[in-house]
Amino acid sequence: MNLVQRNLCVLGKTAVNVGWREVRENFLLQSCGSVRWKSYFGLNTGDTTNINKDLDSIAKRIHESESIVVMAGAGLSTASGIPDFRSPTTGIYANLSKFNLPYPEAIFELEYFKENPKPFNTWAKEFFPGVNYLPNKGHYFLKLLEEKGKLSKYFTQNIDGLERLAGVELEKIVEAHGTFSSAACVTCQENYPMDKLKKEIMSDVTPTCTSCKGYIKPDIVFFGEALPKRFFDEAEIDCLFCDLLICIGTSLEVYPFAGIVDAPRHDTPRLLINYDLVGSFGARPKDSALLGDIQISIDSICRRLDWNEELEELQLENEMKINQIDTDS
């Protein structure tokens, strides 16, 4: 078992009973040391002077790749109008004062939810997938990679479900932080109909279990819960055999998800599409980066590959389908 495997396993098992922040800090202090932390755990150790920023060579790499792993965070969905979590003024955590929480992260903590589910349910009413937000060009870029037979696997931190709405096949998606597509009781774990949950949340009704009267929540990963088994089963093997890793819109600060970026072989090309330099990008010989607006970067890639018309057609056709579904319902 290599270092990345060990990090993923240890962090995943430990985080069942304590918060992710405490797990990460304790684990790093106890077993990684400063050198390993800087090499594997995503501090800004990369040097932009060591990163390829040439669009032509980046496009060529994507064109030649046949097994691409993509990992993405909240930055992918901000163009859809969904705020990220940690931006100082516009992020979700910065705009939770109306809920009178003891601290911002409490809205996503299991024990707090068991005591008071209303803040989360109120938040979920706005952010429920497919209600107020639609996929953007970045999500259709994923679908285009899939249609061209290049997408090996897509790992996401996001719980918005926009890649599903964009049509990416479920077998290609690993929702590391869970999903709004299913729900269960937090007390007895009995499954709960998703359409019923959505209807109740939209009507400001607190969903409760018909068996034990416990509260119901979507199967998204709260602080205090383990990541889905599939994440640990597939992350290492997919990254080991990929010929390109693309990292989009993430700060690489939340573990164990962020460990994916260092899971590929040392000589496997990696591409960062992000507003800022993050993680260990620049520390490996075949690292590339397109920094700045993510939508502009993706648009530039597609134009250079002559994919822009295909991308626009994908988006138009799928949005027509979504609109038809909304009309029928």
C-alpha atoms as a PDB file:
ATOM      1  CA  MET A   1       0.000   0.000   0.000  1.00  0.00           C
ATOM      2  CA  ASN A   2       1.542   3.311  -1.068  1.00  0.00           C
ATOM      3  CA  LEU A   3       1.363   6.661   0.719  1.00  0.00           C
ATOM      4  CA  VAL A   4      -1.706   7.945  -1.093  1.00  0.00           C
ATOM      5  CA  GLN A   5      -3.616   4.710  -0.483  1.00  0.00           C
ATOM      6  CA  ARG A   6      -2.665   4.824   3.178  1.00  0.00           C
ATOM      7  CA  ASN A   7      -3.730   8.468   3.490  1.00  0.00           C
ATOM      8  CA  LEU A   8      -7.095   7.791   1.845  1.00  0.00           C
ATOM      9  CA  CYS A   9      -7.812   4.751   3.999  1.00  0.00           C
ATOM     10  CA  VAL A  10      -6.734   6.237   7.314  1.00  0.00           C
ATOM     11  CA  LEU A  11      -8.522   9.526   6.782  1.00  0.00           C
ATOM     12  CA  GLY A  12     -11.682   7.845   5.561  1.00  0.00           C
ATOM     13  CA  LYS A  13     -11.964   5.488   8.522  1.00  0.00           C
ATOM     14  CA  THR A  14     -11.039   8.053  11.140  1.00  0.00           C
ATOM     15  CA  ALA A  15     -13.427  10.730   9.879  1.00  0.00           C
ATOM     16  CA  VAL A  16     -16.483   8.715  10.808  1.00  0.00           C
ATOM     17  CA  ASN A  17     -16.364  10.002  14.378  1.00  0.00           C
ATOM     18  CA  VAL A  18     -14.625  13.382  14.162  1.00  0.00           C
ATOM     19  CA  GLY A  19     -14.616  16.409  11.869  1.00  0.00           C
ATOM     20  CA  TRP A  20     -12.523  16.408   8.690  1.00  0.00           C
ATOM     21  CA  ARG A  21     -10.504  19.413   9.829  1.00  0.00           C
ATOM     22  CA  GLU A  22      -9.409  17.663  13.034  1.00  0.00           C
ATOM     23  CA  VAL A  23      -8.664  14.445  11.168  1.00  0.00           C
ATOM     24  CA  ARG A  24      -6.459  16.173   8.660  1.00  0.00           C
ATOM     25  CA  GLU A  25      -4.524  18.220  11.226  1.00  0.00           C
ATOM     26  CA  ASN A  26      -3.993  15.280  13.585  1.00  0.00           C
ATOM     27  CA  PHE A  27      -3.009  12.913  10.818  1.00  0.00           C
ATOM     28  CA  LEU A  28      -0.510  15.309   9.316  1.00  0.00           C
ATOM     29  CA  LEU A  29       1.047  16.091  12.684  1.00  0.00           C
ATOM     30  CA  GLN A  30       1.286  12.466  13.747  1.00  0.00           C
ATOM     31  CA  SER A  31       2.407  10.686  10.624  1.00  0.00           C
ATOM     32  CA  CYS A  32       3.289  12.867   7.665  1.00  0.00           C
ATOM     33  CA  GLY A  33       5.838  15.407   8.811  1.00  0.00           C
ATOM     34  CA  SER A  34       6.597  18.624   6.982  1.00  0.00           C
ATOM     35  CA  VAL A  35       8.263  17.086   3.906  1.00  0.00           C
ATOM     36  CA  ARG A  36       5.470  14.635   3.144  1.00  0.00           C
ATOM     37  CA  TRP A  37       2.828  17.247   3.910  1.00  0.00           C
ATOM     38  CA  LYS A  38       4.317  19.601   1.346  1.00  0.00           C
ATOM     39  CA  SER A  39       4.781  16.862  -1.213  1.00  0.00           C
ATOM     40  CA  TYR A  40       1.433  15.112  -0.936  1.00  0.00           C
ATOM     41  CA  PHE A  41      -1.079  17.257   0.859  1.00  0.00           C
ATOM     42  CA  GLY A  42      -1.652  20.244  -1.321  1.00  0.00           C
ATOM     43  CA  LEU A  43       0.152  23.242   0.110  1.00  0.00           C
ATOM     44  CA  ASN A  44       1.063  25.854  -2.470  1.00  0.00           C
ATOM     45  CA  THR A  45       4.481  24.372  -3.093  1.00  0.00           C
ATOM     46  CA  GLY A  46       4.204  24.554  -6.875  1.00  0.00           C
ATOM     47  CA  ASP A  47       6.145  27.167  -8.786  1.00  0.00           C
ATOM     48  CA  THR A  48       4.368  28.771 -11.742  1.00  0.00           C
ATOM     49  CA  THR A  49       7.699  29.022 -13.545  1.00  0.00           C
ATOM     50  CA  ASN A  50       7.781  25.214 -13.633  1.00  0.00           C
ATOM     51  CA  ILE A  51       4.269  24.886 -15.067  1.00  0.00           C
ATOM     52  CA  ASN A  52       3.435  24.656 -18.735  1.00  0.00           C
ATOM     53  CA  LYS A  53       0.862  27.328 -19.668  1.00  0.00           C
ATOM     54  CA  ASP A  54       0.988  26.890 -23.447  1.00  0.00           C
ATOM     55  CA  LEU A  55      -2.551  26.367 -24.734  1.00  0.00           C
ATOM     56  CA  ASP A  56      -1.459  24.551 -27.896  1.00  0.00           C
ATOM     57  CA  SER A  57       0.496  21.900 -26.008  1.00  0.00           C
ATOM     58  CA  ILE A  58      -2.306  21.542 -23.434  1.00  0.00           C
ATOM     59  CA  ALA A  59      -4.881  21.009 -26.185  1.00  0.00           C
ATOM     60  CA  LYS A  60      -2.572  18.517 -27.898  1.00  0.00           C
ATOM     61  CA  ARG A  61      -2.231  16.571 -24.652  1.00  0.00           C
ATOM     62  CA  ILE A  62      -6.014  16.337 -24.263  1.00  0.00           C
ATOM     63  CA  HIS A  63      -6.399  15.300 -27.904  1.00  0.00           C
ATOM     64  CA  GLU A  64      -3.863  12.498 -27.494  1.00  0.00           C
ATOM     65  CA  SER A  65      -5.165  11.233 -24.145  1.00  0.00           C
ATOM     66  CA  GLU A  66      -7.440   8.196 -24.007  1.00  0.00           C
ATOM     67  CA  SER A  67      -7.968   7.706 -20.259  1.00  0.00           C
ATOM     68  CA  ILE A  68      -8.590  11.016 -18.495  1.00  0.00           C
ATOM     69  CA  VAL A  69      -9.475  11.328 -14.821  1.00  0.00           C
ATOM     70  CA  VAL A  70     -11.172  14.600 -13.909  1.00  0.00           C
ATOM     71  CA  MET A  71     -11.546  15.866 -10.347  1.00  0.00           C
ATOM     72  CA  ALA A  72     -13.600  18.966  -9.616  1.00  0.00           C
ATOM     73  CA  GLY A  73     -14.769  21.187  -6.800  1.00  0.00           C
ATOM     74  CA  ALA A  74     -17.168  24.055  -6.238  1.00  0.00           C
ATOM     75  CA  GLY A  75     -15.372  26.320  -8.713  1.00  0.00           C
ATOM     76  CA  LEU A  76     -16.791  24.260 -11.562  1.00  0.00           C
ATOM     77  CA  SER A  77     -20.354  25.224 -10.595  1.00  0.00           C
ATOM     78  CA  THR A  78     -19.933  28.910  -9.716  1.00  0.00           C
ATOM     79  CA  ALA A  79     -20.708  29.868 -13.333  1.00  0.00           C
ATOM     80  CA  SER A  80     -24.115  28.235 -12.796  1.00  0.00           C
ATOM     81  CA  GLY A  81     -24.743  30.718  -9.983  1.00  0.00           C
ATOM     82  CA  ILE A  82     -23.917  28.346  -7.132  1.00  0.00           C
ATOM     83  CA  PRO A  83     -21.526  29.983  -4.639  1.00  0.00           C
ATOM     84  CA  ASP A  84     -18.496  28.109  -3.422  1.00  0.00           C
ATOM     85  CA  PHE A  85     -18.056  27.371   0.265  1.00  0.00           C
ATOM     86  CA  ARG A  86     -15.050  29.385   1.369  1.00  0.00           C
ATOM     87  CA  SER A  87     -14.895  32.710  -0.505  1.00  0.00           C
ATOM     88  CA  PRO A  88     -14.665  35.422   2.193  1.00  0.00           C
ATOM     89  CA  THR A  89     -17.728  37.457   1.144  1.00  0.00           C
ATOM     90  CA  THR A  90     -19.683  35.414  -1.433  1.00  0.00           C
ATOM     91  CA  GLY A  91     -19.130  31.852  -0.190  1.00  0.00           C
ATOM     92  CA  ILE A  92     -21.832  29.742   1.437  1.00  0.00           C
ATOM     93  CA  TYR A  93     -20.152  29.802   4.849  1.00  0.00           C
ATOM     94  CA  ALA A  94     -19.964  33.600   4.754  1.00  0.00           C
ATOM     95  CA  ASN A  95     -23.719  33.938   4.220  1.00  0.00           C
ATOM     96  CA  LEU A  96     -25.246  31.734   6.891  1.00  0.00           C
ATOM     97  CA  SER A  97     -25.881  34.360   9.577  1.00  0.00           C
ATOM     98  CA  LYS A  98     -29.660  34.132   9.054  1.00  0.00           C
ATOM     99  CA  PHE A  99     -29.600  30.592  10.436  1.00  0.00           C
ATOM    100  CA  ASN A 100     -28.132  31.588  13.831  1.00  0.00           C
ATOM    101  CA  LEU A 101     -25.658  28.721  13.731  1.00  0.00           C
ATOM    102  CA  PRO A 102     -23.064  28.233  16.490  1.00  0.00           C
ATOM    103  CA  TYR A 103     -20.448  28.186  13.677  1.00  0.00           C
ATOM    104  CA  PRO A 104     -20.854  28.006   9.870  1.00  0.00           C
ATOM    105  CA  GLU A 105     -19.860  24.361   9.418  1.00  0.00           C
ATOM    106  CA  ALA A 106     -22.617  23.250  11.824  1.00  0.00           C
ATOM    107  CA  ILE A 107     -25.118  23.311   8.967  1.00  0.00           C
ATOM    108  CA  PHE A 108     -23.340  20.266   7.527  1.00  0.00           C
ATOM    109  CA  GLU A 109     -22.631  18.433  10.797  1.00  0.00           C
ATOM    110  CA  LEU A 110     -24.565  15.252  11.508  1.00  0.00           C
ATOM    111  CA  GLU A 111     -24.996  15.755  15.251  1.00  0.00           C
ATOM    112  CA  TYR A 112     -26.277  19.300  14.780  1.00  0.00           C
ATOM    113  CA  PHE A 113     -28.691  18.101  12.082  1.00  0.00           C
ATOM    114  CA  LYS A 114     -30.090  15.492  14.462  1.00  0.00           C
ATOM    115  CA  GLU A 115     -30.905  18.301  16.895  1.00  0.00           C
ATOM    116  CA  ASN A 116     -32.029  20.936  14.407  1.00  0.00           C
ATOM    117  CA  PRO A 117     -32.540  20.014  10.725  1.00  0.00           C
ATOM    118  CA  LYS A 118     -34.277  23.264   9.796  1.00  0.00           C
ATOM    119  CA  PRO A 119     -31.176  25.300   8.789  1.00  0.00           C
ATOM    120  CA  PHE A 120     -30.010  22.582   6.391  1.00  0.00           C
ATOM    121  CA  ASN A 121     -33.489  22.025   4.966  1.00  0.00           C
ATOM    122  CA  THR A 122     -33.884  25.759   4.383  1.00  0.00           C
ATOM    123  CA  TRP A 123     -30.520  25.832   2.611  1.00  0.00           C
ATOM    124  CA  ALA A 124     -31.431  22.707   0.594  1.00  0.00           C
ATOM    125  CA  LYS A 125     -34.630  24.344  -0.639  1.00  0.00           C
ATOM    126  CA  GLU A 126     -32.549  26.845  -2.592  1.00  0.00           C
ATOM    127  CA  PHE A 127     -29.799  24.500  -3.724  1.00  0.00           C
ATOM    128  CA  PHE A 128     -31.798  21.388  -4.566  1.00  0.00           C
ATOM    129  CA  PRO A 129     -30.460  20.080  -7.924  1.00  0.00           C
ATOM    130  CA  GLY A 130     -32.396  21.169 -10.977  1.00  0.00           C
ATOM    131  CA  VAL A 131     -34.536  23.738  -9.169  1.00  0.00           C
ATOM    132  CA  ASN A 132     -32.667  27.038  -9.507  1.00  0.00           C
ATOM    133  CA  TYR A 133     -29.439  26.105 -11.277  1.00  0.00           C
ATOM    134  CA  LEU A 134     -28.453  24.502 -14.587  1.00  0.00           C
ATOM    135  CA  PRO A 135     -25.198  22.940 -15.861  1.00  0.00           C
ATOM    136  CA  ASN A 136     -22.682  25.297 -17.414  1.00  0.00           C
ATOM    137  CA  LYS A 137     -20.053  24.913 -20.122  1.00  0.00           C
ATOM    138  CA  GLY A 138     -17.699  23.124 -17.724  1.00  0.00           C
ATOM    139  CA  HIS A 139     -20.218  20.334 -17.094  1.00  0.00           C
ATOM    140  CA  TYR A 140     -20.804  19.884 -20.818  1.00  0.00           C
ATOM    141  CA  PHE A 141     -17.036  19.726 -21.323  1.00  0.00           C
ATOM    142  CA  LEU A 142     -17.121  16.624 -19.115  1.00  0.00           C
ATOM    143  CA  LYS A 143     -19.917  15.166 -21.238  1.00  0.00           C
ATOM    144  CA  LEU A 144     -17.958  15.902 -24.394  1.00  0.00           C
ATOM    145  CA  LEU A 145     -14.893  14.117 -23.022  1.00  0.00           C
ATOM    146  CA  GLU A 146     -17.146  11.149 -22.297  1.00  0.00           C
ATOM    147  CA  GLU A 147     -18.687  11.139 -25.765  1.00  0.00           C
ATOM    148  CA  LYS A 148     -15.228  11.167 -27.319  1.00  0.00           C
ATOM    149  CA  GLY A 149     -14.272   8.102 -25.275  1.00  0.00           C
ATOM    150  CA  LYS A 150     -11.669   9.985 -23.244  1.00  0.00           C
ATOM    151  CA  LEU A 151     -13.265  10.220 -19.789  1.00  0.00           C
ATOM    152  CA  SER A 152     -12.178   7.371 -17.556  1.00  0.00           C
ATOM    153  CA  LYS A 153     -13.741   8.673 -14.349  1.00  0.00           C
ATOM    154  CA  TYR A 154     -15.042  11.915 -12.884  1.00  0.00           C
ATOM    155  CA  PHE A 155     -14.567  12.530  -9.153  1.00  0.00           C
ATOM    156  CA  THR A 156     -16.498  15.454  -7.702  1.00  0.00           C
ATOM    157  CA  GLN A 157     -16.755  17.191  -4.354  1.00  0.00           C
ATOM    158  CA  ASN A 158     -19.958  18.848  -5.486  1.00  0.00           C
ATOM    159  CA  ILE A 159     -23.402  17.789  -4.344  1.00  0.00           C
ATOM    160  CA  ASP A 160     -25.307  19.899  -6.876  1.00  0.00           C
ATOM    161  CA  GLY A 161     -25.826  17.045  -9.350  1.00  0.00           C
ATOM    162  CA  LEU A 162     -25.185  19.295 -12.355  1.00  0.00           C
ATOM    163  CA  GLU A 163     -22.987  16.751 -14.127  1.00  0.00           C
ATOM    164  CA  ARG A 164     -25.939  14.336 -13.938  1.00  0.00           C
ATOM    165  CA  LEU A 165     -28.187  16.999 -15.455  1.00  0.00           C
ATOM    166  CA  ALA A 166     -25.573  17.507 -18.190  1.00  0.00           C
ATOM    167  CA  GLY A 167     -25.971  13.844 -19.114  1.00  0.00           C
ATOM    168  CA  VAL A 168     -22.704  12.347 -17.866  1.00  0.00           C
ATOM    169  CA  GLU A 169     -23.254   8.622 -17.361  1.00  0.00           C
ATOM    170  CA  LEU A 170     -23.634   7.606 -13.726  1.00  0.00           C
ATOM    171  CA  GLU A 171     -20.985   4.890 -14.001  1.00  0.00           C
ATOM    172  CA  LYS A 172     -18.430   7.602 -14.819  1.00  0.00           C
ATOM    173  CA  ILE A 173     -19.331   9.762 -11.809  1.00  0.00           C
ATOM    174  CA  VAL A 174     -17.993   9.283  -8.289  1.00  0.00           C
ATOM    175  CA  GLU A 175     -19.728  11.729  -5.955  1.00  0.00           C
ATOM    176  CA  ALA A 176     -17.164  11.774  -3.176  1.00  0.00           C
ATOM    177  CA  HIS A 177     -19.263  13.953  -0.888  1.00  0.00           C
ATOM    178  CA  GLY A 178     -22.519  12.176  -1.610  1.00  0.00           C
ATOM    179  CA  THR A 179     -25.616  12.995  -3.601  1.00  0.00           C
ATOM    180  CA  PHE A 180     -29.076  14.519  -3.568  1.00  0.00           C
ATOM    181  CA  SER A 181     -30.350  11.580  -5.647  1.00  0.00           C
ATOM    182  CA  SER A 182     -31.249   9.423  -2.620  1.00  0.00           C
ATOM    183  CA  ALA A 183     -32.135   9.932   1.040  1.00  0.00           C
ATOM    184  CA  ALA A 184     -32.420   8.046   4.319  1.00  0.00           C
ATOM    185  CA  CYS A 185     -33.288   8.412   7.984  1.00  0.00           C
ATOM    186  CA  VAL A 186     -30.326   9.535  10.093  1.00  0.00           C
ATOM    187  CA  THR A 187     -31.510   7.350  12.980  1.00  0.00           C
ATOM    188  CA  CYS A 188     -32.521   3.987  11.491  1.00  0.00           C
ATOM    189  CA  GLN A 189     -31.053   4.455   7.971  1.00  0.00           C
ATOM    190  CA  GLU A 190     -34.288   3.423   6.290  1.00  0.00           C
ATOM    191  CA  ASN A 191     -34.473   4.698   2.708  1.00  0.00           C
ATOM    192  CA  TYR A 192     -36.877   7.531   1.964  1.00  0.00           C
ATOM    193  CA  PRO A 193     -38.506   8.393  -1.399  1.00  0.00           C
ATOM    194  CA  MET A 194     -36.559  11.218  -3.004  1.00  0.00           C
ATOM    195  CA  ASP A 195     -39.561  12.773  -4.725  1.00  0.00           C
ATOM    196  CA  LYS A 196     -41.369  12.926  -1.384  1.00  0.00           C
ATOM    197  CA  LEU A 197     -38.345  14.496   0.321  1.00  0.00           C
ATOM    198  CA  LYS A 198     -38.062  17.143  -2.379  1.00  0.00           C
ATOM    199  CA  LYS A 199     -41.760  17.983  -2.190  1.00  0.00           C
ATOM    200  CA  GLU A 200     -41.611  18.337   1.601  1.00  0.00           C
ATOM    201  CA  ILE A 201     -38.468  20.481   1.594  1.00  0.00           C
ATOM    202  CA  MET A 202     -39.954  22.751  -1.072  1.00  0.00           C
ATOM    203  CA  SER A 203     -43.071  23.081   1.106  1.00  0.00           C
ATOM    204  CA  ASP A 204     -41.047  23.877   4.268  1.00  0.00           C
ATOM    205  CA  VAL A 205     -42.087  20.596   5.857  1.00  0.00           C
ATOM    206  CA  THR A 206     -39.459  18.762   7.936  1.00  0.00           C
ATOM    207  CA  PRO A 207     -39.231  15.211   6.525  1.00  0.00           C
ATOM    208  CA  THR A 208     -39.418  12.491   9.180  1.00  0.00           C
ATOM    209  CA  CYS A 209     -39.100   8.728   9.053  1.00  0.00           C
ATOM    210  CA  THR A 210     -42.348   6.760   8.930  1.00  0.00           C
ATOM    211  CA  SER A 211     -40.769   3.998  11.027  1.00  0.00           C
ATOM    212  CA  CYS A 212     -38.887   5.736  13.850  1.00  0.00           C
ATOM    213  CA  LYS A 213     -39.779   9.444  13.398  1.00  0.00           C
ATOM    214  CA  GLY A 214     -36.108  10.311  12.939  1.00  0.00           C
ATOM    215  CA  TYR A 215     -35.133  13.147  10.613  1.00  0.00           C
ATOM    216  CA  ILE A 216     -34.482  12.500   6.908  1.00  0.00           C
ATOM    217  CA  LYS A 217     -31.574  13.928   4.974  1.00  0.00           C
ATOM    218  CA  PRO A 218     -30.245  13.423   1.442  1.00  0.00           C
ATOM    219  CA  ASP A 219     -27.304  11.037   1.155  1.00  0.00           C
ATOM    220  CA  ILE A 220     -24.738  13.815   1.042  1.00  0.00           C
ATOM    221  CA  VAL A 221     -21.686  13.425   3.259  1.00  0.00           C
ATOM    222  CA  PHE A 222     -21.846  15.522   6.408  1.00  0.00           C
ATOM    223  CA  PHE A 223     -18.938  16.211   8.713  1.00  0.00           C
ATOM    224  CA  GLY A 224     -18.848  13.159  10.945  1.00  0.00           C
ATOM    225  CA  GLU A 225     -19.698  10.710   8.140  1.00  0.00           C
ATOM    226  CA  ALA A 226     -17.471   8.504   6.006  1.00  0.00           C
ATOM    227  CA  LEU A 227     -17.094   9.069   2.277  1.00  0.00           C
ATOM    228  CA  PRO A 228     -18.829   6.544  -0.003  1.00  0.00           C
ATOM    229  CA  LYS A 229     -17.074   3.197  -0.320  1.00  0.00           C
ATOM    230  CA  ARG A 230     -16.859   3.630  -4.075  1.00  0.00           C
ATOM    231  CA  PHE A 231     -14.528   6.595  -3.659  1.00  0.00           C
ATOM    232  CA  PHE A 232     -11.928   4.491  -1.873  1.00  0.00           C
ATOM    233  CA  ASP A 233     -12.465   1.508  -4.162  1.00  0.00           C
ATOM    234  CA  GLU A 234     -11.882   3.420  -7.398  1.00  0.00           C
ATOM    235  CA  ALA A 235      -9.778   6.542  -6.769  1.00  0.00           C
ATOM    236  CA  GLU A 236      -6.406   4.832  -6.584  1.00  0.00           C
ATOM    237  CA  ILE A 237      -6.809   2.409  -9.469  1.00  0.00           C
ATOM    238  CA  ASP A 238      -8.309   4.969 -11.861  1.00  0.00           C
ATOM    239  CA  CYS A 239      -5.541   7.471 -11.161  1.00  0.00           C
ATOM    240  CA  LEU A 240      -2.837   4.846 -11.435  1.00  0.00           C
ATOM    241  CA  PHE A 241      -3.787   3.980 -15.009  1.00  0.00           C
ATOM    242  CA  CYS A 242      -4.903   7.383 -16.315  1.00  0.00           C
ATOM    243  CA  ASP A 243      -2.836   9.147 -18.967  1.00  0.00           C
ATOM    244  CA  LEU A 244      -3.981  12.627 -17.890  1.00  0.00           C
ATOM    245  CA  LEU A 245      -5.472  14.081 -14.704  1.00  0.00           C
ATOM    246  CA  ILE A 246      -7.487  17.296 -14.990  1.00  0.00           C
ATOM    247  CA  CYS A 247      -8.227  19.238 -11.808  1.00  0.00           C
ATOM    248  CA  ILE A 248     -10.970  21.883 -12.052  1.00  0.00           C
ATOM    249  CA  GLY A 249     -12.180  24.506  -9.608  1.00  0.00           C
ATOM    250  CA  THR A 250     -10.978  23.272  -6.237  1.00  0.00           C
ATOM    251  CA  SER A 251      -8.783  24.641  -3.470  1.00  0.00           C
ATOM    252  CA  LEU A 252      -7.413  21.135  -2.757  1.00  0.00           C
ATOM    253  CA  GLU A 253      -7.939  21.734   0.958  1.00  0.00           C
ATOM    254  CA  VAL A 254     -10.553  19.106   1.812  1.00  0.00           C
ATOM    255  CA  TYR A 255      -9.289  15.579   2.444  1.00  0.00           C
ATOM    256  CA  PRO A 256      -9.275  12.794   1.543  1.00  0.00           C
ATOM    257  CA  PHE A 257     -10.683  14.070  -1.770  1.00  0.00           C
ATOM    258  CA  ALA A 258      -7.702  16.370  -2.381  1.00  0.00           C
ATOM    259  CA  GLY A 259      -5.346  13.379  -2.187  1.00  0.00           C
ATOM    260  CA  ILE A 260      -6.520  12.290  -5.645  1.00  0.00           C
ATOM    261  CA  VAL A 261      -4.357  14.941  -7.292  1.00  0.00           C
ATOM    262  CA  ASP A 262      -1.179  13.181  -6.164  1.00  0.00           C
ATOM    263  CA  ALA A 263      -2.380   9.640  -6.858  1.00  0.00           C
ATOM    264  CA  PRO A 264      -1.261   9.377 -10.539  1.00  0.00           C
ATOM    265  CA  ARG A 265       2.266   8.253 -11.352  1.00  0.00           C
ATOM    266  CA  HIS A 266       4.904  10.954 -11.009  1.00  0.00           C
ATOM    267  CA  ASP A 267       5.344  11.255 -14.787  1.00  0.00           C
ATOM    268  CA  THR A 268       1.615  11.316 -15.611  1.00  0.00           C
ATOM    269  CA  PRO A 269       0.586  14.709 -17.033  1.00  0.00           C
ATOM    270  CA  ARG A 270      -1.633  16.846 -14.808  1.00  0.00           C
ATOM    271  CA  LEU A 271      -3.657  19.898 -15.850  1.00  0.00           C
ATOM    272  CA  LEU A 272      -5.026  22.485 -13.426  1.00  0.00           C
ATOM    273  CA  ILE A 273      -7.956  24.634 -14.600  1.00  0.00           C
ATOM    274  CA  ASN A 274      -8.517  27.010 -11.715  1.00  0.00           C
ATOM    275  CA  TYR A 275      -8.529  30.628 -10.629  1.00  0.00           C
ATOM    276  CA  ASP A 276      -5.313  30.196  -8.634  1.00  0.00           C
ATOM    277  CA  LEU A 277      -2.375  27.852  -8.325  1.00  0.00           C
ATOM    278  CA  VAL A 278      -3.153  25.202  -5.710  1.00  0.00           C
ATOM    279  CA  GLY A 279      -1.752  22.005  -4.293  1.00  0.00           C
ATOM    280  CA  SER A 280       1.447  20.504  -5.606  1.00  0.00           C
ATOM    281  CA  PHE A 281       1.049  21.741  -9.180  1.00  0.00           C
ATOM    282  CA  GLY A 282       4.435  22.778 -10.482  1.00  0.00           C
ATOM    283  CA  ALA A 283       6.253  20.114  -8.476  1.00  0.00           C
ATOM    284  CA  ARG A 284       6.045  17.477 -11.227  1.00  0.00           C
ATOM    285  CA  PRO A 285       7.714  17.513 -14.654  1.00  0.00           C
ATOM    286  CA  LYS A 286       4.510  17.320 -16.754  1.00  0.00           C
ATOM    287  CA  ASP A 287       2.291  19.772 -14.886  1.00  0.00           C
ATOM    288  CA  SER A 288       0.244  22.330 -16.827  1.00  0.00           C
ATOM    289  CA  ALA A 289      -2.142  25.052 -15.735  1.00  0.00           C
ATOM    290  CA  LEU A 290      -4.674  27.472 -17.151  1.00  0.00           C
ATOM    291  CA  LEU A 291      -5.274  30.032 -14.407  1.00  0.00           C
ATOM    292  CA  GLY A 292      -8.046  32.594 -14.262  1.00  0.00           C
ATOM    293  CA  ASP A 293     -11.716  32.322 -15.225  1.00  0.00           C
ATOM    294  CA  ILE A 294     -12.581  28.630 -15.550  1.00  0.00           C
ATOM    295  CA  GLN A 295     -15.245  29.116 -18.231  1.00  0.00           C
ATOM    296  CA  ILE A 296     -12.863  31.142 -20.387  1.00  0.00           C
ATOM    297  CA  SER A 297     -10.162  28.489 -19.995  1.00  0.00           C
ATOM    298  CA  ILE A 298     -12.517  25.677 -21.001  1.00  0.00           C
ATOM    299  CA  ASP A 299     -13.798  27.720 -23.930  1.00  0.00           C
ATOM    300  CA  SER A 300     -10.198  28.324 -25.057  1.00  0.00           C
ATOM    301  CA  ILE A 301      -9.417  24.597 -24.921  1.00  0.00           C
ATOM    302  CA  CYS A 302     -12.528  23.692 -26.917  1.00  0.00           C
ATOM    303  CA  ARG A 303     -11.820  26.319 -29.564  1.00  0.00           C
ATOM    304  CA  ARG A 304      -8.236  25.133 -29.941  1.00  0.00           C
ATOM    305  CA  LEU A 305      -9.476  21.543 -30.322  1.00  0.00           C
ATOM    306  CA  ASP A 306     -12.272  22.680 -32.655  1.00  0.00           C
ATOM    307  CA  TRP A 307     -14.829  21.279 -30.199  1.00  0.00           C
ATOM    308  CA  ASN A 308     -16.755  24.504 -29.585  1.00  0.00           C
ATOM    309  CA  GLU A 309     -19.634  23.718 -31.969  1.00  0.00           C
ATOM    310  CA  GLU A 310     -20.051  20.243 -30.491  1.00  0.00           C
ATOM    311  CA  LEU A 311     -20.037  21.710 -27.004  1.00  0.00           C
ATOM    312  CA  GLU A 312     -22.694  24.278 -27.875  1.00  0.00           C
ATOM    313  CA  GLU A 313     -24.879  21.611 -29.523  1.00  0.00           C
ATOM    314  CA  LEU A 314     -24.608  19.384 -26.461  1.00  0.00           C
ATOM    315  CA  GLN A 315     -25.654  22.218 -24.185  1.00  0.00           C
ATOM    316  CA  LEU A 316     -28.535  23.340 -26.401  1.00  0.00           C
ATOM    317  CA  GLU A 317     -29.962  19.844 -26.880  1.00  0.00           C
ATOM    318  CA  ASN A 318     -29.747  18.983 -23.199  1.00  0.00           C
ATOM    319  CA  GLU A 319     -31.283  22.261 -22.044  1.00  0.00           C
ATOM    320  CA  MET A 320     -34.201  21.631 -24.399  1.00  0.00           C
ATOM    321  CA  LYS A 321     -34.676  18.212 -22.753  1.00  0.00           C
ATOM    322  CA  ILE A 322     -34.548  19.751 -19.269  1.00  0.00           C
ATOM    323  CA  ASN A 323     -37.086  22.403 -20.257  1.00  0.00           C
ATOM    324  CA  GLN A 324     -39.380  19.724 -21.695  1.00  0.00           C
ATOM    325  CA  ILE A 325     -39.189  17.717 -18.474  1.00  0.00           C
ATOM    326  CA  ASP A 326     -40.051  20.830 -16.457  1.00  0.00           C
ATOM    327  CA  THR A 327     -43.000  21.543 -18.777  1.00  0.00           C
ATOM    328  CA  ASP A 328     -44.329  17.989 -18.524  1.00  0.00           C
ATOM    329  CA  SER A 329     -44.088  17.981 -14.733  1.00  0.00           C
END
